[in-house]
C-alpha atoms as a PDB file:
ATOM      1  CA  MET A   1     244.115  66.528  33.643  1.00  0.00           C
ATOM      2  CA  TYR A   2     243.310  63.301  34.282  1.00  0.00           C
ATOM      3  CA  ASP A   3     244.223  61.643  37.590  1.00  0.00           C
ATOM      4  CA  TYR A   4     244.141  58.212  36.343  1.00  0.00           C
ATOM      5  CA  ASP A   5     245.231  56.526  33.105  1.00  0.00           C
ATOM      6  CA  LEU A   6     242.857  53.745  33.541  1.00  0.00           C
ATOM      7  CA  LEU A   7     240.065  52.739  35.826  1.00  0.00           C
ATOM      8  CA  VAL A   8     238.934  49.303  36.116  1.00  0.00           C
ATOM      9  CA  VAL A   9     235.582  47.994  37.106  1.00  0.00           C
ATOM     10  CA  GLY A  10     235.110  44.350  37.550  1.00  0.00           C
ATOM     11  CA  SER A  11     235.908  41.425  39.370  1.00  0.00           C
ATOM     12  CA  ALA A  12     238.215  40.461  42.018  1.00  0.00           C
ATOM     13  CA  ASN A  13     238.547  36.666  42.857  1.00  0.00           C
ATOM     14  CA  ALA A  14     241.064  34.186  44.808  1.00  0.00           C
ATOM     15  CA  ASP A  15     242.299  31.771  42.251  1.00  0.00           C
ATOM     16  CA  LEU A  16     242.380  28.477  43.555  1.00  0.00           C
ATOM     17  CA  VAL A  17     244.596  26.589  40.929  1.00  0.00           C
ATOM     18  CA  ILE A  18     245.595  22.827  40.621  1.00  0.00           C
ATOM     19  CA  GLY A  19     247.586  21.638  37.853  1.00  0.00           C
ATOM     20  CA  VAL A  20     246.314  18.456  36.077  1.00  0.00           C
ATOM     21  CA  GLU A  21     248.002  16.089  33.864  1.00  0.00           C
ATOM     22  CA  ARG A  22     244.674  16.041  31.943  1.00  0.00           C
ATOM     23  CA  ARG A  23     241.535  17.850  32.857  1.00  0.00           C
ATOM     24  CA  PRO A  24     238.295  15.169  33.747  1.00  0.00           C
ATOM     25  CA  GLY A  25     235.739  14.026  31.562  1.00  0.00           C
ATOM     26  CA  ALA A  26     231.876  13.968  33.279  1.00  0.00           C
ATOM     27  CA  GLY A  27     232.184  11.546  36.087  1.00  0.00           C
ATOM     28  CA  GLU A  28     235.586  11.310  36.079  1.00  0.00           C
ATOM     29  CA  THR A  29     238.216  11.954  38.997  1.00  0.00           C
ATOM     30  CA  VAL A  30     241.726  12.950  38.556  1.00  0.00           C
ATOM     31  CA  LEU A  31     244.417  13.740  40.855  1.00  0.00           C
ATOM     32  CA  GLY A  32     246.306  17.261  40.610  1.00  0.00           C
ATOM     33  CA  SER A  33     249.400  18.907  42.190  1.00  0.00           C
ATOM     34  CA  ASP A  34     248.975  20.580  45.736  1.00  0.00           C
ATOM     35  CA  LEU A  35     246.464  23.730  45.729  1.00  0.00           C
ATOM     36  CA  ALA A  36     247.803  26.926  45.105  1.00  0.00           C
ATOM     37  CA  VAL A  37     245.955  30.278  46.045  1.00  0.00           C
ATOM     38  CA  HIS A  38     246.548  33.580  43.965  1.00  0.00           C
ATOM     39  CA  PRO A  39     244.848  37.077  43.835  1.00  0.00           C
ATOM     40  CA  GLY A  40     242.786  36.915  40.444  1.00  0.00           C
ATOM     41  CA  GLY A  41     239.828  38.054  38.872  1.00  0.00           C
ATOM     42  CA  LYS A  42     239.435  39.840  35.549  1.00  0.00           C
ATOM     43  CA  GLY A  43     239.215  43.496  37.056  1.00  0.00           C
ATOM     44  CA  ALA A  44     241.943  43.035  39.533  1.00  0.00           C
ATOM     45  CA  ASN A  45     243.943  41.205  37.007  1.00  0.00           C
ATOM     46  CA  GLN A  46     243.350  44.395  34.826  1.00  0.00           C
ATOM     47  CA  ALA A  47     244.209  46.828  37.471  1.00  0.00           C
ATOM     48  CA  VAL A  48     247.613  45.042  38.850  1.00  0.00           C
ATOM     49  CA  ALA A  49     248.882  44.456  35.112  1.00  0.00           C
ATOM     50  CA  ALA A  50     248.068  47.816  34.076  1.00  0.00           C
ATOM     51  CA  ALA A  51     249.884  49.554  37.231  1.00  0.00           C
ATOM     52  CA  ARG A  52     252.969  46.818  36.624  1.00  0.00           C
ATOM     53  CA  LEU A  53     253.382  48.927  33.473  1.00  0.00           C
ATOM     54  CA  GLY A  54     253.508  52.092  35.040  1.00  0.00           C
ATOM     55  CA  ALA A  55     249.760  53.255  34.350  1.00  0.00           C
ATOM     56  CA  ARG A  56     248.164  55.102  36.815  1.00  0.00           C
ATOM     57  CA  THR A  57     245.353  53.187  37.609  1.00  0.00           C
ATOM     58  CA  ALA A  58     242.336  52.383  39.999  1.00  0.00           C
ATOM     59  CA  LEU A  59     240.038  49.734  40.846  1.00  0.00           C
ATOM     60  CA  LEU A  60     236.103  49.764  41.473  1.00  0.00           C
ATOM     61  CA  ALA A  61     235.432  46.405  42.863  1.00  0.00           C
ATOM     62  CA  ARG A  62     233.822  44.769  45.946  1.00  0.00           C
ATOM     63  CA  VAL A  63     235.561  42.193  47.669  1.00  0.00           C
ATOM     64  CA  GLY A  64     234.432  39.937  50.857  1.00  0.00           C
ATOM     65  CA  ASP A  65     235.681  41.007  54.734  1.00  0.00           C
ATOM     66  CA  ASP A  66     237.879  37.721  54.733  1.00  0.00           C
ATOM     67  CA  GLU A  67     241.310  36.267  54.026  1.00  0.00           C
ATOM     68  CA  HIS A  68     240.706  36.291  50.344  1.00  0.00           C
ATOM     69  CA  GLY A  69     239.864  40.186  50.153  1.00  0.00           C
ATOM     70  CA  ARG A  70     243.105  40.763  52.132  1.00  0.00           C
ATOM     71  CA  LEU A  71     244.859  38.796  49.707  1.00  0.00           C
ATOM     72  CA  LEU A  72     243.689  40.832  46.923  1.00  0.00           C
ATOM     73  CA  LEU A  73     244.037  44.249  48.598  1.00  0.00           C
ATOM     74  CA  ASP A  74     248.033  43.431  49.282  1.00  0.00           C
ATOM     75  CA  SER A  75     248.348  42.546  45.762  1.00  0.00           C
ATOM     76  CA  LEU A  76     246.794  45.623  44.007  1.00  0.00           C
ATOM     77  CA  ARG A  77     248.584  47.626  46.550  1.00  0.00           C
ATOM     78  CA  GLU A  78     252.041  46.444  45.931  1.00  0.00           C
ATOM     79  CA  ALA A  79     251.772  46.572  42.320  1.00  0.00           C
ATOM     80  CA  GLY A  80     250.622  50.205  42.662  1.00  0.00           C
ATOM     81  CA  ALA A  81     247.150  50.317  41.791  1.00  0.00           C
ATOM     82  CA  ASP A  82     244.884  53.010  43.572  1.00  0.00           C
ATOM     83  CA  THR A  83     242.274  50.724  45.873  1.00  0.00           C
ATOM     84  CA  VAL A  84     240.144  53.574  47.028  1.00  0.00           C
ATOM     85  CA  GLY A  85     237.283  52.286  44.711  1.00  0.00           C
ATOM     86  CA  VAL A  86     237.288  48.740  46.109  1.00  0.00           C
ATOM     87  CA  LEU A  87     234.283  48.337  48.467  1.00  0.00           C
ATOM     88  CA  VAL A  88     234.588  45.689  51.660  1.00  0.00           C
ATOM     89  CA  GLY A  89     231.938  43.312  52.554  1.00  0.00           C
ATOM     90  CA  GLY A  90     228.376  42.333  51.629  1.00  0.00           C
ATOM     91  CA  ALA A  91     229.505  38.602  50.741  1.00  0.00           C
ATOM     92  CA  PRO A  92     232.344  36.516  50.482  1.00  0.00           C
ATOM     93  CA  THR A  93     235.275  37.363  48.004  1.00  0.00           C
ATOM     94  CA  GLY A  94     234.397  35.780  44.596  1.00  0.00           C
ATOM     95  CA  VAL A  95     236.766  32.479  44.040  1.00  0.00           C
ATOM     96  CA  ALA A  96     237.917  30.886  40.530  1.00  0.00           C
ATOM     97  CA  LEU A  97     238.482  27.147  40.578  1.00  0.00           C
ATOM     98  CA  ILE A  98     241.358  26.679  37.871  1.00  0.00           C
ATOM     99  CA  THR A  99     242.693  23.653  36.417  1.00  0.00           C
ATOM    100  CA  VAL A 100     246.125  23.857  34.265  1.00  0.00           C
ATOM    101  CA  ASP A 101     247.116  21.241  32.374  1.00  0.00           C
ATOM    102  CA  PRO A 102     250.787  20.428  30.970  1.00  0.00           C
ATOM    103  CA  SER A 103     250.313  22.686  27.673  1.00  0.00           C
ATOM    104  CA  GLY A 104     249.389  25.704  29.991  1.00  0.00           C
ATOM    105  CA  ASP A 105     245.523  25.805  28.837  1.00  0.00           C
ATOM    106  CA  ASN A 106     243.271  26.190  31.535  1.00  0.00           C
ATOM    107  CA  SER A 107     239.395  25.354  32.572  1.00  0.00           C
ATOM    108  CA  ILE A 108     237.878  27.814  35.023  1.00  0.00           C
ATOM    109  CA  VAL A 109     234.738  27.989  37.386  1.00  0.00           C
ATOM    110  CA  VAL A 110     233.858  30.943  39.200  1.00  0.00           C
ATOM    111  CA  SER A 111     231.650  31.710  42.078  1.00  0.00           C
ATOM    112  CA  PRO A 112     230.866  35.337  42.013  1.00  0.00           C
ATOM    113  CA  GLY A 113     230.758  36.247  45.676  1.00  0.00           C
ATOM    114  CA  ALA A 114     230.853  39.592  46.465  1.00  0.00           C
ATOM    115  CA  ASN A 115     231.279  40.698  42.621  1.00  0.00           C
ATOM    116  CA  GLY A 116     227.865  40.016  42.075  1.00  0.00           C
ATOM    117  CA  ARG A 117     227.132  42.673  44.912  1.00  0.00           C
ATOM    118  CA  LEU A 118     228.929  45.423  42.972  1.00  0.00           C
ATOM    119  CA  THR A 119     225.481  47.416  41.852  1.00  0.00           C
ATOM    120  CA  PRO A 120     224.855  50.450  39.915  1.00  0.00           C
ATOM    121  CA  SER A 121     224.365  52.452  43.037  1.00  0.00           C
ATOM    122  CA  ASP A 122     227.889  51.356  43.812  1.00  0.00           C
ATOM    123  CA  VAL A 123     229.049  52.728  40.299  1.00  0.00           C
ATOM    124  CA  ARG A 124     226.910  56.231  40.770  1.00  0.00           C
ATOM    125  CA  ALA A 125     228.221  56.734  44.302  1.00  0.00           C
ATOM    126  CA  ALA A 126     231.958  56.484  42.294  1.00  0.00           C
ATOM    127  CA  ALA A 127     231.463  59.592  40.298  1.00  0.00           C
ATOM    128  CA  SER A 128     234.175  61.266  41.134  1.00  0.00           C
ATOM    129  CA  LEU A 129     236.514  58.390  39.765  1.00  0.00           C
ATOM    130  CA  PHE A 130     235.006  58.389  36.229  1.00  0.00           C
ATOM    131  CA  HIS A 131     235.765  61.965  36.011  1.00  0.00           C
ATOM    132  CA  ALA A 132     239.073  61.450  36.820  1.00  0.00           C
ATOM    133  CA  SER A 133     239.850  58.649  34.405  1.00  0.00           C
ATOM    134  CA  ARG A 134     241.104  58.812  30.902  1.00  0.00           C
ATOM    135  CA  VAL A 135     240.113  55.175  30.009  1.00  0.00           C
ATOM    136  CA  VAL A 136     237.444  52.927  31.690  1.00  0.00           C
ATOM    137  CA  SER A 137     237.659  49.040  31.265  1.00  0.00           C
ATOM    138  CA  THR A 138     235.279  46.455  32.416  1.00  0.00           C
ATOM    139  CA  GLN A 139     234.209  42.951  31.777  1.00  0.00           C
ATOM    140  CA  LEU A 140     231.333  40.677  32.335  1.00  0.00           C
ATOM    141  CA  GLU A 141     232.269  39.131  35.618  1.00  0.00           C
ATOM    142  CA  ILE A 142     230.248  42.000  37.321  1.00  0.00           C
ATOM    143  CA  PRO A 143     226.350  41.846  36.903  1.00  0.00           C
ATOM    144  CA  LEU A 144     225.653  43.362  32.918  1.00  0.00           C
ATOM    145  CA  GLU A 145     223.445  46.296  34.876  1.00  0.00           C
ATOM    146  CA  THR A 146     226.374  47.306  36.601  1.00  0.00           C
ATOM    147  CA  VAL A 147     228.105  47.363  33.062  1.00  0.00           C
ATOM    148  CA  VAL A 148     224.982  49.737  31.941  1.00  0.00           C
ATOM    149  CA  ALA A 149     225.650  51.960  34.589  1.00  0.00           C
ATOM    150  CA  VAL A 150     229.459  52.174  33.738  1.00  0.00           C
ATOM    151  CA  VAL A 151     228.386  53.146  30.230  1.00  0.00           C
ATOM    152  CA  ARG A 152     226.077  56.041  31.713  1.00  0.00           C
ATOM    153  CA  SER A 153     228.596  57.238  33.994  1.00  0.00           C
ATOM    154  CA  LEU A 154     231.610  57.907  31.688  1.00  0.00           C
ATOM    155  CA  ALA A 155     233.095  61.364  31.454  1.00  0.00           C
ATOM    156  CA  PRO A 156     232.247  63.025  27.974  1.00  0.00           C
ATOM    157  CA  ASP A 157     235.815  62.525  26.852  1.00  0.00           C
ATOM    158  CA  SER A 158     236.894  59.138  28.121  1.00  0.00           C
ATOM    159  CA  ARG A 159     237.264  56.062  26.165  1.00  0.00           C
ATOM    160  CA  PHE A 160     235.388  52.647  26.998  1.00  0.00           C
ATOM    161  CA  VAL A 161     237.108  48.957  26.679  1.00  0.00           C
ATOM    162  CA  LEU A 162     234.871  45.932  27.187  1.00  0.00           C
ATOM    163  CA  ASN A 163     236.164  42.478  27.499  1.00  0.00           C
ATOM    164  CA  PRO A 164     232.944  40.753  27.539  1.00  0.00           C
ATOM    165  CA  SER A 165     233.776  37.644  29.690  1.00  0.00           C
ATOM    166  CA  PRO A 166     232.070  35.685  30.523  1.00  0.00           C
ATOM    167  CA  PRO A 167     230.054  36.162  26.930  1.00  0.00           C
ATOM    168  CA  ARG A 168     226.606  37.081  27.019  1.00  0.00           C
ATOM    169  CA  PRO A 169     224.394  39.012  24.419  1.00  0.00           C
ATOM    170  CA  LEU A 170     224.787  42.785  24.938  1.00  0.00           C
ATOM    171  CA  PRO A 171     222.347  45.443  24.845  1.00  0.00           C
ATOM    172  CA  SER A 172     222.897  47.866  21.901  1.00  0.00           C
ATOM    173  CA  GLU A 173     223.821  50.876  24.404  1.00  0.00           C
ATOM    174  CA  VAL A 174     226.927  48.935  25.521  1.00  0.00           C
ATOM    175  CA  LEU A 175     228.023  47.808  22.093  1.00  0.00           C
ATOM    176  CA  ALA A 176     227.962  51.583  20.745  1.00  0.00           C
ATOM    177  CA  ALA A 177     230.174  52.721  23.622  1.00  0.00           C
ATOM    178  CA  CYS A 178     232.671  50.001  23.164  1.00  0.00           C
ATOM    179  CA  ASP A 179     236.088  51.627  21.876  1.00  0.00           C
ATOM    180  CA  PRO A 180     237.316  48.655  21.373  1.00  0.00           C
ATOM    181  CA  LEU A 181     235.118  45.389  22.170  1.00  0.00           C
ATOM    182  CA  ILE A 182     237.797  42.790  23.040  1.00  0.00           C
ATOM    183  CA  VAL A 183     236.829  39.200  22.132  1.00  0.00           C
ATOM    184  CA  ASN A 184     238.447  36.020  21.761  1.00  0.00           C
ATOM    185  CA  GLU A 185     237.228  33.316  19.234  1.00  0.00           C
ATOM    186  CA  HIS A 186     234.808  31.774  21.643  1.00  0.00           C
ATOM    187  CA  GLU A 187     233.183  35.320  22.759  1.00  0.00           C
ATOM    188  CA  ALA A 188     232.853  36.510  19.555  1.00  0.00           C
ATOM    189  CA  LYS A 189     230.978  33.510  18.680  1.00  0.00           C
ATOM    190  CA  VAL A 190     228.821  33.751  21.482  1.00  0.00           C
ATOM    191  CA  ILE A 191     227.990  37.528  20.905  1.00  0.00           C
ATOM    192  CA  LEU A 192     227.379  37.190  17.023  1.00  0.00           C
ATOM    193  CA  GLY A 193     225.127  34.205  17.907  1.00  0.00           C
ATOM    194  CA  ASP A 194     224.026  32.756  14.503  1.00  0.00           C
ATOM    195  CA  SER A 195     225.667  35.211  12.420  1.00  0.00           C
ATOM    196  CA  ALA A 196     229.041  33.220  13.712  1.00  0.00           C
ATOM    197  CA  GLY A 197     228.276  30.508  11.348  1.00  0.00           C
ATOM    198  CA  VAL A 198     228.876  32.148   7.993  1.00  0.00           C
ATOM    199  CA  SER A 199     232.200  32.311   8.076  1.00  0.00           C
ATOM    200  CA  ASP A 200     235.473  30.402   9.743  1.00  0.00           C
ATOM    201  CA  GLU A 201     237.402  33.787   9.447  1.00  0.00           C
ATOM    202  CA  PRO A 202     238.267  35.933  12.146  1.00  0.00           C
ATOM    203  CA  GLU A 203     238.507  39.001   9.664  1.00  0.00           C
ATOM    204  CA  ASP A 204     234.867  38.257   8.938  1.00  0.00           C
ATOM    205  CA  TRP A 205     233.921  37.750  12.648  1.00  0.00           C
ATOM    206  CA  ALA A 206     235.403  41.331  13.394  1.00  0.00           C
ATOM    207  CA  ARG A 207     233.600  43.058  10.350  1.00  0.00           C
ATOM    208  CA  LEU A 208     230.040  41.323  11.510  1.00  0.00           C
ATOM    209  CA  LEU A 209     230.596  42.537  15.056  1.00  0.00           C
ATOM    210  CA  LEU A 210     231.719  46.030  14.094  1.00  0.00           C
ATOM    211  CA  ALA A 211     228.115  45.995  12.307  1.00  0.00           C
ATOM    212  CA  LYS A 212     226.458  45.520  15.556  1.00  0.00           C
ATOM    213  CA  GLY A 213     227.541  49.197  16.868  1.00  0.00           C
ATOM    214  CA  PRO A 214     231.203  49.206  18.499  1.00  0.00           C
ATOM    215  CA  ARG A 215     233.828  52.066  17.324  1.00  0.00           C
ATOM    216  CA  SER A 216     235.909  49.275  17.012  1.00  0.00           C
ATOM    217  CA  VAL A 217     236.811  45.655  17.613  1.00  0.00           C
ATOM    218  CA  VAL A 218     239.862  43.419  18.528  1.00  0.00           C
ATOM    219  CA  VAL A 219     239.735  39.498  18.094  1.00  0.00           C
ATOM    220  CA  THR A 220     242.245  37.773  20.094  1.00  0.00           C
ATOM    221  CA  LEU A 221     243.559  34.747  18.489  1.00  0.00           C
ATOM    222  CA  GLY A 222     246.078  33.214  20.813  1.00  0.00           C
ATOM    223  CA  GLY A 223     249.483  32.215  19.723  1.00  0.00           C
ATOM    224  CA  GLU A 224     248.381  33.667  16.260  1.00  0.00           C
ATOM    225  CA  GLY A 225     248.411  37.376  17.855  1.00  0.00           C
ATOM    226  CA  ALA A 226     245.015  39.488  17.204  1.00  0.00           C
ATOM    227  CA  LEU A 227     243.580  41.408  14.336  1.00  0.00           C
ATOM    228  CA  VAL A 228     241.721  44.893  14.831  1.00  0.00           C
ATOM    229  CA  ALA A 229     238.700  46.713  13.204  1.00  0.00           C
ATOM    230  CA  SER A 230     237.243  49.892  12.724  1.00  0.00           C
ATOM    231  CA  SER A 231     236.090  52.255  10.175  1.00  0.00           C
ATOM    232  CA  ALA A 232     239.329  52.295   8.770  1.00  0.00           C
ATOM    233  CA  GLY A 233     239.577  48.726   8.118  1.00  0.00           C
ATOM    234  CA  VAL A 234     240.813  45.391   9.294  1.00  0.00           C
ATOM    235  CA  ALA A 235     244.498  44.407   9.997  1.00  0.00           C
ATOM    236  CA  ARG A 236     246.340  41.541  11.810  1.00  0.00           C
ATOM    237  CA  VAL A 237     248.888  42.161  14.551  1.00  0.00           C
ATOM    238  CA  PRO A 238     251.498  39.226  14.570  1.00  0.00           C
ATOM    239  CA  SER A 239     252.197  37.612  18.191  1.00  0.00           C
ATOM    240  CA  VAL A 240     255.410  37.210  20.059  1.00  0.00           C
ATOM    241  CA  LYS A 241     256.536  33.604  19.678  1.00  0.00           C
ATOM    242  CA  VAL A 242     257.320  32.544  23.259  1.00  0.00           C
ATOM    243  CA  GLU A 243     256.911  28.952  25.089  1.00  0.00           C
ATOM    244  CA  ALA A 244     253.632  29.035  27.058  1.00  0.00           C
ATOM    245  CA  VAL A 245     253.895  27.968  30.662  1.00  0.00           C
ATOM    246  CA  ASP A 246     250.251  29.047  32.190  1.00  0.00           C
ATOM    247  CA  THR A 247     247.676  31.002  30.119  1.00  0.00           C
ATOM    248  CA  THR A 248     246.101  32.536  32.863  1.00  0.00           C
ATOM    249  CA  GLY A 249     245.127  35.871  33.057  1.00  0.00           C
ATOM    250  CA  ALA A 250     246.797  36.275  29.524  1.00  0.00           C
ATOM    251  CA  GLY A 251     243.980  37.951  28.196  1.00  0.00           C
ATOM    252  CA  ASP A 252     243.230  40.461  31.314  1.00  0.00           C
ATOM    253  CA  ALA A 253     246.979  41.475  30.819  1.00  0.00           C
ATOM    254  CA  PHE A 254     246.366  41.949  27.340  1.00  0.00           C
ATOM    255  CA  THR A 255     243.311  44.127  27.748  1.00  0.00           C
ATOM    256  CA  ALA A 256     245.019  46.426  30.122  1.00  0.00           C
ATOM    257  CA  ALA A 257     248.024  47.134  27.926  1.00  0.00           C
ATOM    258  CA  LEU A 258     245.628  48.037  24.996  1.00  0.00           C
ATOM    259  CA  ALA A 259     243.256  50.313  27.374  1.00  0.00           C
ATOM    260  CA  TRP A 260     246.767  52.157  28.762  1.00  0.00           C
ATOM    261  CA  ARG A 261     248.253  52.405  25.174  1.00  0.00           C
ATOM    262  CA  LEU A 262     245.061  53.776  23.605  1.00  0.00           C
ATOM    263  CA  GLY A 263     244.679  56.455  26.729  1.00  0.00           C
ATOM    264  CA  THR A 264     248.183  57.616  25.694  1.00  0.00           C
ATOM    265  CA  GLY A 265     247.372  58.522  22.047  1.00  0.00           C
ATOM    266  CA  GLU A 266     248.612  55.372  20.305  1.00  0.00           C
ATOM    267  CA  PRO A 267     246.591  54.167  17.174  1.00  0.00           C
ATOM    268  CA  LEU A 268     244.635  50.720  17.750  1.00  0.00           C
ATOM    269  CA  ALA A 269     247.045  48.605  15.583  1.00  0.00           C
ATOM    270  CA  GLU A 270     250.239  49.927  17.326  1.00  0.00           C
ATOM    271  CA  ALA A 271     248.215  49.621  20.806  1.00  0.00           C
ATOM    272  CA  ALA A 272     247.473  46.207  20.059  1.00  0.00           C
ATOM    273  CA  ALA A 273     250.812  45.186  18.792  1.00  0.00           C
ATOM    274  CA  TYR A 274     252.169  46.291  22.505  1.00  0.00           C
ATOM    275  CA  ALA A 275     249.535  44.427  24.084  1.00  0.00           C
ATOM    276  CA  ALA A 276     250.374  41.226  22.162  1.00  0.00           C
ATOM    277  CA  ARG A 277     254.030  41.710  23.659  1.00  0.00           C
ATOM    278  CA  VAL A 278     252.763  41.774  27.381  1.00  0.00           C
ATOM    279  CA  GLY A 279     250.465  38.459  26.765  1.00  0.00           C
ATOM    280  CA  ALA A 280     253.245  36.943  25.332  1.00  0.00           C
ATOM    281  CA  ALA A 281     255.351  37.963  28.516  1.00  0.00           C
ATOM    282  CA  THR A 282     252.584  36.914  30.658  1.00  0.00           C
ATOM    283  CA  VAL A 283     252.417  33.337  29.550  1.00  0.00           C
ATOM    284  CA  THR A 284     256.083  32.524  30.118  1.00  0.00           C
ATOM    285  CA  LYS A 285     255.219  32.254  34.004  1.00  0.00           C
ATOM    286  CA  GLU A 286     252.890  30.534  36.118  1.00  0.00           C
ATOM    287  CA  GLY A 287     249.679  32.011  37.858  1.00  0.00           C
ATOM    288  CA  ALA A 288     247.978  35.268  37.130  1.00  0.00           C
ATOM    289  CA  GLN A 289     248.803  38.544  38.831  1.00  0.00           C
ATOM    290  CA  VAL A 290     252.091  37.317  39.675  1.00  0.00           C
ATOM    291  CA  SER A 291     252.904  36.855  36.298  1.00  0.00           C
ATOM    292  CA  PHE A 292     252.172  40.274  34.900  1.00  0.00           C
ATOM    293  CA  PRO A 293     255.225  41.801  33.028  1.00  0.00           C
ATOM    294  CA  THR A 294     256.747  45.421  34.035  1.00  0.00           C
ATOM    295  CA  ALA A 295     257.399  47.967  30.975  1.00  0.00           C
ATOM    296  CA  GLU A 296     261.095  46.640  31.195  1.00  0.00           C
ATOM    297  CA  GLU A 297     260.272  43.138  30.514  1.00  0.00           C
ATOM    298  CA  VAL A 298     258.067  43.688  28.051  1.00  0.00           C
ATOM    299  CA  ALA A 299     260.812  45.720  26.159  1.00  0.00           C
ATOM    300  CA  GLU A 300     262.952  42.586  26.600  1.00  0.00           C
ATOM    301  CA  LEU A 301     261.065  40.518  24.236  1.00  0.00           C
END
């Protein structure tokens, strides 16, 4: 019996958000809206999103002993996520500087701060969390050596989910553990490198990624939905048509929902279809964690 449906190992940031009419070019200054500060970071986002949906969720992360760190802890606890694995101190809380244009698209620059101090020894010290968790999910806003330590700490029967964002080449040990590897178009092309140029079709990217070692692959396609790939083949998952207000955090909500549903035993395509509805519900509201839906709100779509 697992204590947690999902353990998220990853980043926790304060999102500093400014709305702009258009994003500036090189050397250009544009005026924006008043600054808004929200709890964010891919790890904390996934933990909050899963907890909002009803998953028993824990987060292993590091924040600073500062106002931004307290903001994140409060948000996690309010959503119902367990913060027993959130370490405090060592560096300031990570910060993401986000601009959002009228179409809802965003550009993000991240200062890792305490996220960069989440170490392999922190992971090893949290062995009890790994053995208590059905699914473990992580991203690349923490050091890659820490992600490798996560893979080596997995319980024998647990499932590993990775969203390689921001993308970088991955060691074969990490790729082989992914079930699934979840990427968008940009992340797929970075991981594939020169191989990405052989085709413009996402189905081909998924097959090429699968050949690199993951047990399964999911490629998210924004408003076009997603596709899933495994030894059983490649299939498209349709999107839900909504009016996008802010895409911040939508990918994190998708990943969290997918990881949770896979842990309940749902097949990959069905779990991805549910995750697509969660992502669609997320983009209809501004902000990251504050926009994540409950299971009831997803059902209404």
